[in-house]
Full PDB file with SEQRES, HELIX, SHEET, SSBOND, CRYST1, ORIGX, SCALE, CONECT and MASTER records, all heavy atoms in Angstrom:
SEQRES   1 A   36  LEU LYS HIS ARG PHE ASP ASP LYS SER GLU ARG ALA GLY          
SEQRES   2 A   36  ARG GLY ARG VAL HIS ALA LYS THR GLY THR LEU ARG SER          
SEQRES   3 A   36  VAL ALA SER LEU ALA GLY TRP VAL THR THR                      
HELIX    1 AA1 LYS A    8  GLY A   13  5                                   6    
SHEET    1 AA1 2 VAL A  17  LEU A  24  0                                        
SHEET    2 AA1 2 VAL A  27  VAL A  34 -1                                        
CRYST1    1.000    1.000    1.000  90.00  90.00  90.00 P 1           1          
ORIGX1      1.000000  0.000000  0.000000        0.00000                         
ORIGX2      0.000000  1.000000  0.000000        0.00000                         
ORIGX3      0.000000  0.000000  1.000000        0.00000                         
SCALE1      1.000000  0.000000  0.000000        0.00000                         
SCALE2      0.000000  1.000000  0.000000        0.00000                         
SCALE3      0.000000  0.000000  1.000000        0.00000                         
ATOM      1  N   LEU A   1       0.801  -1.275  -0.035  1.00  0.00           N  
ATOM      2  CA  LEU A   1      -0.067   0.034  -0.015  1.00  0.00           C  
ATOM      3  C   LEU A   1       0.882   1.197  -0.027  1.00  0.00           C  
ATOM      4  O   LEU A   1       0.318   2.386   0.088  1.00  0.00           O  
ATOM      5  CB  LEU A   1      -0.931   0.048   1.202  1.00  0.00           C  
ATOM      6  CG  LEU A   1      -2.147  -0.826   1.184  1.00  0.00           C  
ATOM      7  CD1 LEU A   1      -3.009  -0.635   2.448  1.00  0.00           C  
ATOM      8  CD2 LEU A   1      -2.984  -0.645   0.026  1.00  0.00           C  
ATOM      9  N   LYS A   2       2.091   1.160  -0.036  1.00  0.00           N  
ATOM     10  CA  LYS A   2       3.057   2.288   0.009  1.00  0.00           C  
ATOM     11  C   LYS A   2       2.799   3.321  -1.135  1.00  0.00           C  
ATOM     12  O   LYS A   2       2.758   4.567  -0.822  1.00  0.00           O  
ATOM     13  CB  LYS A   2       4.457   1.875  -0.037  1.00  0.00           C  
ATOM     14  CG  LYS A   2       5.463   2.942   0.137  1.00  0.00           C  
ATOM     15  CD  LYS A   2       6.871   2.565   0.402  1.00  0.00           C  
ATOM     16  CE  LYS A   2       7.708   3.713   0.654  1.00  0.00           C  
ATOM     17  NZ  LYS A   2       9.291   3.241   0.919  1.00  0.00           N  
ATOM     18  N   HIS A   3       2.469   2.847  -2.154  1.00  0.00           N  
ATOM     19  CA  HIS A   3       2.207   3.704  -3.394  1.00  0.00           C  
ATOM     20  C   HIS A   3       0.792   3.803  -3.780  1.00  0.00           C  
ATOM     21  O   HIS A   3       0.476   4.287  -4.939  1.00  0.00           O  
ATOM     22  CB  HIS A   3       3.141   3.234  -4.593  1.00  0.00           C  
ATOM     23  CG  HIS A   3       4.632   3.247  -4.222  1.00  0.00           C  
ATOM     24  ND1 HIS A   3       5.361   4.494  -3.967  1.00  0.00           N  
ATOM     25  CD2 HIS A   3       5.571   2.324  -4.144  1.00  0.00           C  
ATOM     26  CE1 HIS A   3       6.626   4.171  -3.689  1.00  0.00           C  
ATOM     27  NE2 HIS A   3       6.730   2.780  -3.733  1.00  0.00           N  
ATOM     28  N   ARG A   4      -0.122   3.253  -2.963  1.00  0.00           N  
ATOM     29  CA  ARG A   4      -1.500   3.468  -3.203  1.00  0.00           C  
ATOM     30  C   ARG A   4      -2.033   4.605  -2.448  1.00  0.00           C  
ATOM     31  O   ARG A   4      -1.345   5.331  -1.875  1.00  0.00           O  
ATOM     32  CB  ARG A   4      -2.203   2.097  -2.833  1.00  0.00           C  
ATOM     33  CG  ARG A   4      -1.809   0.876  -3.551  1.00  0.00           C  
ATOM     34  CD  ARG A   4      -2.776   0.614  -4.757  1.00  0.00           C  
ATOM     35  NE  ARG A   4      -4.045   0.183  -4.272  1.00  0.00           N  
ATOM     36  CZ  ARG A   4      -4.495  -1.045  -4.006  1.00  0.00           C  
ATOM     37  NH1 ARG A   4      -3.646  -2.064  -4.301  1.00  0.00           N  
ATOM     38  NH2 ARG A   4      -5.727  -1.261  -3.722  1.00  0.00           N  
ATOM     39  N   PHE A   5      -3.363   4.903  -2.641  1.00  0.00           N  
ATOM     40  CA  PHE A   5      -4.026   6.037  -2.031  1.00  0.00           C  
ATOM     41  C   PHE A   5      -3.266   7.345  -2.357  1.00  0.00           C  
ATOM     42  O   PHE A   5      -2.892   8.046  -1.582  1.00  0.00           O  
ATOM     43  CB  PHE A   5      -4.037   5.933  -0.465  1.00  0.00           C  
ATOM     44  CG  PHE A   5      -4.917   4.754   0.057  1.00  0.00           C  
ATOM     45  CD1 PHE A   5      -4.597   3.390  -0.100  1.00  0.00           C  
ATOM     46  CD2 PHE A   5      -6.118   5.051   0.601  1.00  0.00           C  
ATOM     47  CE1 PHE A   5      -5.496   2.352   0.223  1.00  0.00           C  
ATOM     48  CE2 PHE A   5      -6.992   4.063   0.998  1.00  0.00           C  
ATOM     49  CZ  PHE A   5      -6.638   2.738   0.895  1.00  0.00           C  
ATOM     50  N   ASP A   6      -3.162   7.476  -3.738  1.00  0.00           N  
ATOM     51  CA  ASP A   6      -2.187   8.420  -4.268  1.00  0.00           C  
ATOM     52  C   ASP A   6      -2.877   9.619  -4.990  1.00  0.00           C  
ATOM     53  O   ASP A   6      -2.164  10.337  -5.532  1.00  0.00           O  
ATOM     54  CB  ASP A   6      -1.216   7.701  -5.280  1.00  0.00           C  
ATOM     55  CG  ASP A   6      -2.065   6.969  -6.350  1.00  0.00           C  
ATOM     56  OD1 ASP A   6      -3.281   6.907  -6.290  1.00  0.00           O  
ATOM     57  OD2 ASP A   6      -1.308   6.505  -7.269  1.00  0.00           O  
ATOM     58  N   ASP A   7      -4.161   9.820  -4.773  1.00  0.00           N  
ATOM     59  CA  ASP A   7      -4.845  11.020  -5.298  1.00  0.00           C  
ATOM     60  C   ASP A   7      -5.608  11.729  -4.204  1.00  0.00           C  
ATOM     61  O   ASP A   7      -5.724  11.286  -3.127  1.00  0.00           O  
ATOM     62  CB  ASP A   7      -5.602  10.761  -6.498  1.00  0.00           C  
ATOM     63  CG  ASP A   7      -6.849   9.957  -6.307  1.00  0.00           C  
ATOM     64  OD1 ASP A   7      -7.409   9.873  -5.240  1.00  0.00           O  
ATOM     65  OD2 ASP A   7      -7.148   9.074  -7.248  1.00  0.00           O  
ATOM     66  N   LYS A   8      -6.128  12.935  -4.555  1.00  0.00           N  
ATOM     67  CA  LYS A   8      -6.762  13.728  -3.556  1.00  0.00           C  
ATOM     68  C   LYS A   8      -7.932  13.112  -2.863  1.00  0.00           C  
ATOM     69  O   LYS A   8      -8.133  13.268  -1.726  1.00  0.00           O  
ATOM     70  CB  LYS A   8      -7.169  15.097  -4.334  1.00  0.00           C  
ATOM     71  CG  LYS A   8      -7.805  16.125  -3.332  1.00  0.00           C  
ATOM     72  CD  LYS A   8      -8.168  17.339  -4.042  1.00  0.00           C  
ATOM     73  CE  LYS A   8      -8.808  18.376  -3.145  1.00  0.00           C  
ATOM     74  NZ  LYS A   8      -9.185  19.619  -3.901  1.00  0.00           N  
ATOM     75  N   SER A   9      -8.703  12.365  -3.705  1.00  0.00           N  
ATOM     76  CA  SER A   9      -9.913  11.797  -3.104  1.00  0.00           C  
ATOM     77  C   SER A   9      -9.632  10.505  -2.149  1.00  0.00           C  
ATOM     78  O   SER A   9     -10.452  10.098  -1.461  1.00  0.00           O  
ATOM     79  CB  SER A   9     -10.831  11.289  -4.238  1.00  0.00           C  
ATOM     80  OG  SER A   9     -10.232  10.244  -5.083  1.00  0.00           O  
ATOM     81  N   GLU A  10      -8.311  10.165  -2.137  1.00  0.00           N  
ATOM     82  CA  GLU A  10      -7.954   8.989  -1.340  1.00  0.00           C  
ATOM     83  C   GLU A  10      -7.056   9.498  -0.117  1.00  0.00           C  
ATOM     84  O   GLU A  10      -6.560   8.609   0.609  1.00  0.00           O  
ATOM     85  CB  GLU A  10      -7.162   8.056  -2.159  1.00  0.00           C  
ATOM     86  CG  GLU A  10      -7.968   7.433  -3.394  1.00  0.00           C  
ATOM     87  CD  GLU A  10      -7.179   6.771  -4.398  1.00  0.00           C  
ATOM     88  OE1 GLU A  10      -5.943   6.769  -4.297  1.00  0.00           O  
ATOM     89  OE2 GLU A  10      -7.766   6.313  -5.397  1.00  0.00           O  
ATOM     90  N   ARG A  11      -6.840  10.742  -0.071  1.00  0.00           N  
ATOM     91  CA  ARG A  11      -5.858  11.264   0.887  1.00  0.00           C  
ATOM     92  C   ARG A  11      -6.252  10.966   2.415  1.00  0.00           C  
ATOM     93  O   ARG A  11      -5.406  10.733   3.221  1.00  0.00           O  
ATOM     94  CB  ARG A  11      -5.710  12.842   0.779  1.00  0.00           C  
ATOM     95  CG  ARG A  11      -4.541  13.370   1.560  1.00  0.00           C  
ATOM     96  CD  ARG A  11      -4.405  14.840   1.113  1.00  0.00           C  
ATOM     97  NE  ARG A  11      -4.019  14.976  -0.264  1.00  0.00           N  
ATOM     98  CZ  ARG A  11      -4.108  16.012  -0.996  1.00  0.00           C  
ATOM     99  NH1 ARG A  11      -4.609  17.118  -0.523  1.00  0.00           N  
ATOM    100  NH2 ARG A  11      -3.803  16.063  -2.295  1.00  0.00           N  
ATOM    101  N   ALA A  12      -7.487  10.909   2.601  1.00  0.00           N  
ATOM    102  CA  ALA A  12      -8.010  10.643   3.953  1.00  0.00           C  
ATOM    103  C   ALA A  12      -7.597   9.304   4.485  1.00  0.00           C  
ATOM    104  O   ALA A  12      -7.480   9.059   5.719  1.00  0.00           O  
ATOM    105  CB  ALA A  12      -9.529  10.747   4.079  1.00  0.00           C  
ATOM    106  N   GLY A  13      -7.415   8.290   3.591  1.00  0.00           N  
ATOM    107  CA  GLY A  13      -6.986   7.012   3.968  1.00  0.00           C  
ATOM    108  C   GLY A  13      -5.566   6.790   4.287  1.00  0.00           C  
ATOM    109  O   GLY A  13      -5.192   5.848   4.987  1.00  0.00           O  
ATOM    110  N   ARG A  14      -4.673   7.701   3.911  1.00  0.00           N  
ATOM    111  CA  ARG A  14      -3.273   7.598   4.118  1.00  0.00           C  
ATOM    112  C   ARG A  14      -2.996   7.611   5.649  1.00  0.00           C  
ATOM    113  O   ARG A  14      -3.318   8.559   6.390  1.00  0.00           O  
ATOM    114  CB  ARG A  14      -2.494   8.784   3.474  1.00  0.00           C  
ATOM    115  CG  ARG A  14      -2.608   8.662   1.880  1.00  0.00           C  
ATOM    116  CD  ARG A  14      -2.024   9.868   1.249  1.00  0.00           C  
ATOM    117  NE  ARG A  14      -0.531   9.850   1.415  1.00  0.00           N  
ATOM    118  CZ  ARG A  14       0.429   9.151   0.574  1.00  0.00           C  
ATOM    119  NH1 ARG A  14      -0.121   8.496  -0.439  1.00  0.00           N  
ATOM    120  NH2 ARG A  14       1.636   9.139   0.739  1.00  0.00           N  
ATOM    121  N   GLY A  15      -2.232   6.524   6.077  1.00  0.00           N  
ATOM    122  CA  GLY A  15      -1.868   6.443   7.458  1.00  0.00           C  
ATOM    123  C   GLY A  15      -3.081   5.871   8.366  1.00  0.00           C  
ATOM    124  O   GLY A  15      -2.767   5.619   9.488  1.00  0.00           O  
ATOM    125  N   ARG A  16      -4.213   5.804   7.860  1.00  0.00           N  
ATOM    126  CA  ARG A  16      -5.315   5.380   8.674  1.00  0.00           C  
ATOM    127  C   ARG A  16      -5.866   4.039   8.301  1.00  0.00           C  
ATOM    128  O   ARG A  16      -6.351   3.288   9.093  1.00  0.00           O  
ATOM    129  CB  ARG A  16      -6.501   6.295   8.537  1.00  0.00           C  
ATOM    130  CG  ARG A  16      -6.246   7.639   9.305  1.00  0.00           C  
ATOM    131  CD  ARG A  16      -7.499   8.421   9.249  1.00  0.00           C  
ATOM    132  NE  ARG A  16      -7.339   9.728  10.027  1.00  0.00           N  
ATOM    133  CZ  ARG A  16      -8.264  10.617  10.188  1.00  0.00           C  
ATOM    134  NH1 ARG A  16      -9.404  10.511   9.568  1.00  0.00           N  
ATOM    135  NH2 ARG A  16      -8.058  11.634  10.911  1.00  0.00           N  
ATOM    136  N   VAL A  17      -5.716   3.603   6.980  1.00  0.00           N  
ATOM    137  CA  VAL A  17      -6.150   2.385   6.438  1.00  0.00           C  
ATOM    138  C   VAL A  17      -5.068   1.294   6.633  1.00  0.00           C  
ATOM    139  O   VAL A  17      -3.980   1.487   6.227  1.00  0.00           O  
ATOM    140  CB  VAL A  17      -6.655   2.417   5.055  1.00  0.00           C  
ATOM    141  CG1 VAL A  17      -6.886   1.095   4.421  1.00  0.00           C  
ATOM    142  CG2 VAL A  17      -7.831   3.469   4.890  1.00  0.00           C  
ATOM    143  N   HIS A  18      -5.341   0.246   7.307  1.00  0.00           N  
ATOM    144  CA  HIS A  18      -4.434  -0.906   7.475  1.00  0.00           C  
ATOM    145  C   HIS A  18      -5.111  -2.126   6.751  1.00  0.00           C  
ATOM    146  O   HIS A  18      -6.241  -2.585   7.233  1.00  0.00           O  
ATOM    147  CB  HIS A  18      -4.248  -1.232   9.017  1.00  0.00           C  
ATOM    148  CG  HIS A  18      -3.748  -0.127   9.783  1.00  0.00           C  
ATOM    149  ND1 HIS A  18      -2.418  -0.232  10.381  1.00  0.00           N  
ATOM    150  CD2 HIS A  18      -4.191   1.079  10.100  1.00  0.00           C  
ATOM    151  CE1 HIS A  18      -2.298   0.976  11.032  1.00  0.00           C  
ATOM    152  NE2 HIS A  18      -3.267   1.715  10.833  1.00  0.00           N  
ATOM    153  N   ALA A  19      -4.506  -2.566   5.664  1.00  0.00           N  
ATOM    154  CA  ALA A  19      -5.233  -3.518   4.814  1.00  0.00           C  
ATOM    155  C   ALA A  19      -4.377  -4.444   4.083  1.00  0.00           C  
ATOM    156  O   ALA A  19      -3.289  -4.008   3.609  1.00  0.00           O  
ATOM    157  CB  ALA A  19      -6.270  -2.882   3.957  1.00  0.00           C  
ATOM    158  N   LYS A  20      -4.884  -5.606   3.776  1.00  0.00           N  
ATOM    159  CA  LYS A  20      -4.206  -6.524   2.740  1.00  0.00           C  
ATOM    160  C   LYS A  20      -4.816  -6.338   1.368  1.00  0.00           C  
ATOM    161  O   LYS A  20      -6.012  -6.318   1.250  1.00  0.00           O  
ATOM    162  CB  LYS A  20      -4.407  -7.965   3.262  1.00  0.00           C  
ATOM    163  CG  LYS A  20      -3.789  -9.059   2.287  1.00  0.00           C  
ATOM    164  CD  LYS A  20      -2.209  -8.905   2.377  1.00  0.00           C  
ATOM    165  CE  LYS A  20      -1.520  -9.619   1.354  1.00  0.00           C  
ATOM    166  NZ  LYS A  20      -1.551  -8.913   0.115  1.00  0.00           N  
ATOM    167  N   THR A  21      -3.955  -6.253   0.455  1.00  0.00           N  
ATOM    168  CA  THR A  21      -4.331  -6.057  -0.963  1.00  0.00           C  
ATOM    169  C   THR A  21      -4.474  -7.388  -1.555  1.00  0.00           C  
ATOM    170  O   THR A  21      -3.950  -8.456  -1.088  1.00  0.00           O  
ATOM    171  CB  THR A  21      -3.212  -5.330  -1.769  1.00  0.00           C  
ATOM    172  OG1 THR A  21      -1.915  -6.018  -1.584  1.00  0.00           O  
ATOM    173  CG2 THR A  21      -3.085  -3.859  -1.119  1.00  0.00           C  
ATOM    174  N   GLY A  22      -5.132  -7.398  -2.744  1.00  0.00           N  
ATOM    175  CA  GLY A  22      -5.303  -8.662  -3.516  1.00  0.00           C  
ATOM    176  C   GLY A  22      -5.346  -8.299  -5.031  1.00  0.00           C  
ATOM    177  O   GLY A  22      -6.184  -7.418  -5.316  1.00  0.00           O  
ATOM    178  N   THR A  23      -4.621  -8.891  -5.826  1.00  0.00           N  
ATOM    179  CA  THR A  23      -4.575  -8.570  -7.240  1.00  0.00           C  
ATOM    180  C   THR A  23      -4.377  -9.894  -8.127  1.00  0.00           C  
ATOM    181  O   THR A  23      -3.357 -10.587  -7.766  1.00  0.00           O  
ATOM    182  CB  THR A  23      -3.504  -7.599  -7.633  1.00  0.00           C  
ATOM    183  OG1 THR A  23      -3.767  -6.294  -6.866  1.00  0.00           O  
ATOM    184  CG2 THR A  23      -3.625  -7.290  -9.114  1.00  0.00           C  
ATOM    185  N   LEU A  24      -5.283 -10.223  -9.039  1.00  0.00           N  
ATOM    186  CA  LEU A  24      -5.128 -11.116 -10.061  1.00  0.00           C  
ATOM    187  C   LEU A  24      -5.726 -10.471 -11.273  1.00  0.00           C  
ATOM    188  O   LEU A  24      -6.394  -9.482 -11.229  1.00  0.00           O  
ATOM    189  CB  LEU A  24      -5.776 -12.509  -9.724  1.00  0.00           C  
ATOM    190  CG  LEU A  24      -5.138 -13.435  -8.647  1.00  0.00           C  
ATOM    191  CD1 LEU A  24      -6.136 -14.586  -8.258  1.00  0.00           C  
ATOM    192  CD2 LEU A  24      -3.728 -13.932  -9.149  1.00  0.00           C  
ATOM    193  N   ARG A  25      -5.528 -11.149 -12.444  1.00  0.00           N  
ATOM    194  CA  ARG A  25      -6.230 -10.657 -13.605  1.00  0.00           C  
ATOM    195  C   ARG A  25      -7.683 -10.620 -13.364  1.00  0.00           C  
ATOM    196  O   ARG A  25      -8.300 -11.646 -12.955  1.00  0.00           O  
ATOM    197  CB  ARG A  25      -5.766 -11.547 -14.804  1.00  0.00           C  
ATOM    198  CG  ARG A  25      -6.348 -11.024 -16.138  1.00  0.00           C  
ATOM    199  CD  ARG A  25      -5.837 -11.885 -17.281  1.00  0.00           C  
ATOM    200  NE  ARG A  25      -6.311 -11.331 -18.518  1.00  0.00           N  
ATOM    201  CZ  ARG A  25      -5.818 -10.491 -19.341  1.00  0.00           C  
ATOM    202  NH1 ARG A  25      -4.683  -9.920 -18.896  1.00  0.00           N  
ATOM    203  NH2 ARG A  25      -6.340 -10.032 -20.489  1.00  0.00           N  
ATOM    204  N   SER A  26      -8.346  -9.449 -13.557  1.00  0.00           N  
ATOM    205  CA  SER A  26      -9.752  -9.276 -13.367  1.00  0.00           C  
ATOM    206  C   SER A  26     -10.153  -9.496 -11.939  1.00  0.00           C  
ATOM    207  O   SER A  26     -11.466  -9.655 -11.717  1.00  0.00           O  
ATOM    208  CB  SER A  26     -10.566 -10.268 -14.288  1.00  0.00           C  
ATOM    209  OG  SER A  26     -10.217 -10.068 -15.646  1.00  0.00           O  
ATOM    210  N   VAL A  27      -9.316  -9.404 -10.972  1.00  0.00           N  
ATOM    211  CA  VAL A  27      -9.601  -9.524  -9.531  1.00  0.00           C  
ATOM    212  C   VAL A  27      -8.971  -8.391  -8.837  1.00  0.00           C  
ATOM    213  O   VAL A  27      -7.709  -8.240  -8.917  1.00  0.00           O  
ATOM    214  CB  VAL A  27      -9.344 -10.893  -9.008  1.00  0.00           C  
ATOM    215  CG1 VAL A  27      -9.595 -10.984  -7.396  1.00  0.00           C  
ATOM    216  CG2 VAL A  27     -10.034 -12.044  -9.646  1.00  0.00           C  
ATOM    217  N   ALA A  28      -9.611  -7.707  -7.864  1.00  0.00           N  
ATOM    218  CA  ALA A  28      -8.940  -6.788  -6.979  1.00  0.00           C  
ATOM    219  C   ALA A  28      -9.674  -6.761  -5.639  1.00  0.00           C  
ATOM    220  O   ALA A  28     -11.000  -6.766  -5.656  1.00  0.00           O  
ATOM    221  CB  ALA A  28      -9.016  -5.366  -7.618  1.00  0.00           C  
ATOM    222  N   SER A  29      -8.997  -6.765  -4.593  1.00  0.00           N  
ATOM    223  CA  SER A  29      -9.612  -6.814  -3.211  1.00  0.00           C  
ATOM    224  C   SER A  29      -8.832  -6.052  -2.230  1.00  0.00           C  
ATOM    225  O   SER A  29      -7.595  -5.799  -2.418  1.00  0.00           O  
ATOM    226  CB  SER A  29      -9.698  -8.246  -2.835  1.00  0.00           C  
ATOM    227  OG  SER A  29      -8.472  -8.989  -2.832  1.00  0.00           O  
ATOM    228  N   LEU A  30      -9.406  -5.693  -1.182  1.00  0.00           N  
ATOM    229  CA  LEU A  30      -8.783  -4.995  -0.069  1.00  0.00           C  
ATOM    230  C   LEU A  30      -9.576  -5.391   1.173  1.00  0.00           C  
ATOM    231  O   LEU A  30     -10.757  -5.152   1.196  1.00  0.00           O  
ATOM    232  CB  LEU A  30      -8.859  -3.468  -0.309  1.00  0.00           C  
ATOM    233  CG  LEU A  30      -8.009  -2.615   0.567  1.00  0.00           C  
ATOM    234  CD1 LEU A  30      -6.511  -2.870   0.252  1.00  0.00           C  
ATOM    235  CD2 LEU A  30      -8.300  -1.126   0.330  1.00  0.00           C  
ATOM    236  N   ALA A  31      -8.884  -5.771   2.218  1.00  0.00           N  
ATOM    237  CA  ALA A  31      -9.571  -6.072   3.540  1.00  0.00           C  
ATOM    238  C   ALA A  31      -8.688  -5.657   4.681  1.00  0.00           C  
ATOM    239  O   ALA A  31      -7.518  -5.954   4.585  1.00  0.00           O  
ATOM    240  CB  ALA A  31      -9.786  -7.642   3.593  1.00  0.00           C  
ATOM    241  N   GLY A  32      -9.304  -4.957   5.610  1.00  0.00           N  
ATOM    242  CA  GLY A  32      -8.560  -4.559   6.733  1.00  0.00           C  
ATOM    243  C   GLY A  32      -9.383  -3.798   7.679  1.00  0.00           C  
ATOM    244  O   GLY A  32     -10.573  -3.922   7.885  1.00  0.00           O  
ATOM    245  N   TRP A  33      -8.725  -2.731   8.339  1.00  0.00           N  
ATOM    246  CA  TRP A  33      -9.434  -1.949   9.410  1.00  0.00           C  
ATOM    247  C   TRP A  33      -8.938  -0.491   9.187  1.00  0.00           C  
ATOM    248  O   TRP A  33      -7.948  -0.207   8.670  1.00  0.00           O  
ATOM    249  CB  TRP A  33      -9.221  -2.396  10.753  1.00  0.00           C  
ATOM    250  CG  TRP A  33      -7.765  -2.533  11.152  1.00  0.00           C  
ATOM    251  CD1 TRP A  33      -6.858  -3.531  10.957  1.00  0.00           C  
ATOM    252  CD2 TRP A  33      -7.003  -1.599  12.015  1.00  0.00           C  
ATOM    253  NE1 TRP A  33      -5.614  -3.283  11.520  1.00  0.00           N  
ATOM    254  CE2 TRP A  33      -5.712  -2.032  12.103  1.00  0.00           C  
ATOM    255  CE3 TRP A  33      -7.400  -0.331  12.492  1.00  0.00           C  
ATOM    256  CZ2 TRP A  33      -4.750  -1.360  12.867  1.00  0.00           C  
ATOM    257  CZ3 TRP A  33      -6.467   0.341  13.360  1.00  0.00           C  
ATOM    258  CH2 TRP A  33      -5.045  -0.120  13.488  1.00  0.00           C  
ATOM    259  N   VAL A  34      -9.811   0.465   9.734  1.00  0.00           N  
ATOM    260  CA  VAL A  34      -9.502   1.841   9.641  1.00  0.00           C  
ATOM    261  C   VAL A  34     -10.135   2.562  10.931  1.00  0.00           C  
ATOM    262  O   VAL A  34     -11.009   2.109  11.417  1.00  0.00           O  
ATOM    263  CB  VAL A  34     -10.133   2.286   8.351  1.00  0.00           C  
ATOM    264  CG1 VAL A  34     -11.645   2.124   8.278  1.00  0.00           C  
ATOM    265  CG2 VAL A  34      -9.886   3.827   8.024  1.00  0.00           C  
ATOM    266  N   THR A  35      -9.322   3.711  11.174  1.00  0.00           N  
ATOM    267  CA  THR A  35      -9.927   4.542  12.145  1.00  0.00           C  
ATOM    268  C   THR A  35     -10.519   5.759  11.601  1.00  0.00           C  
ATOM    269  O   THR A  35      -9.810   6.389  10.755  1.00  0.00           O  
ATOM    270  CB  THR A  35      -8.698   4.978  13.114  1.00  0.00           C  
ATOM    271  OG1 THR A  35      -8.061   3.916  13.718  1.00  0.00           O  
ATOM    272  CG2 THR A  35      -9.262   5.949  14.242  1.00  0.00           C  
ATOM    273  N   THR A  36     -11.733   6.027  11.848  1.00  0.00           N  
ATOM    274  CA  THR A  36     -12.500   7.162  11.186  1.00  0.00           C  
ATOM    275  C   THR A  36     -11.985   8.523  11.777  1.00  0.00           C  
ATOM    276  O   THR A  36     -11.329   8.549  12.776  1.00  0.00           O  
ATOM    277  CB  THR A  36     -13.906   7.072  11.348  1.00  0.00           C  
ATOM    278  OG1 THR A  36     -14.338   7.265  12.729  1.00  0.00           O  
ATOM    279  CG2 THR A  36     -14.419   5.560  10.971  1.00  0.00           C  
TER     280      THR A  36                                                      
MASTER        0    0    0    1    2    0    0    6  279    1    0    3          
END                                                                             
């Protein structure tokens, strides 16, 4: 996730979202926890 959450609309998640990524062809996933 180091280079994700990289635009203005995703800025709120930086440093707050703790999550596991998932990527395969035609598959994308994200699962974790966040402090609002």
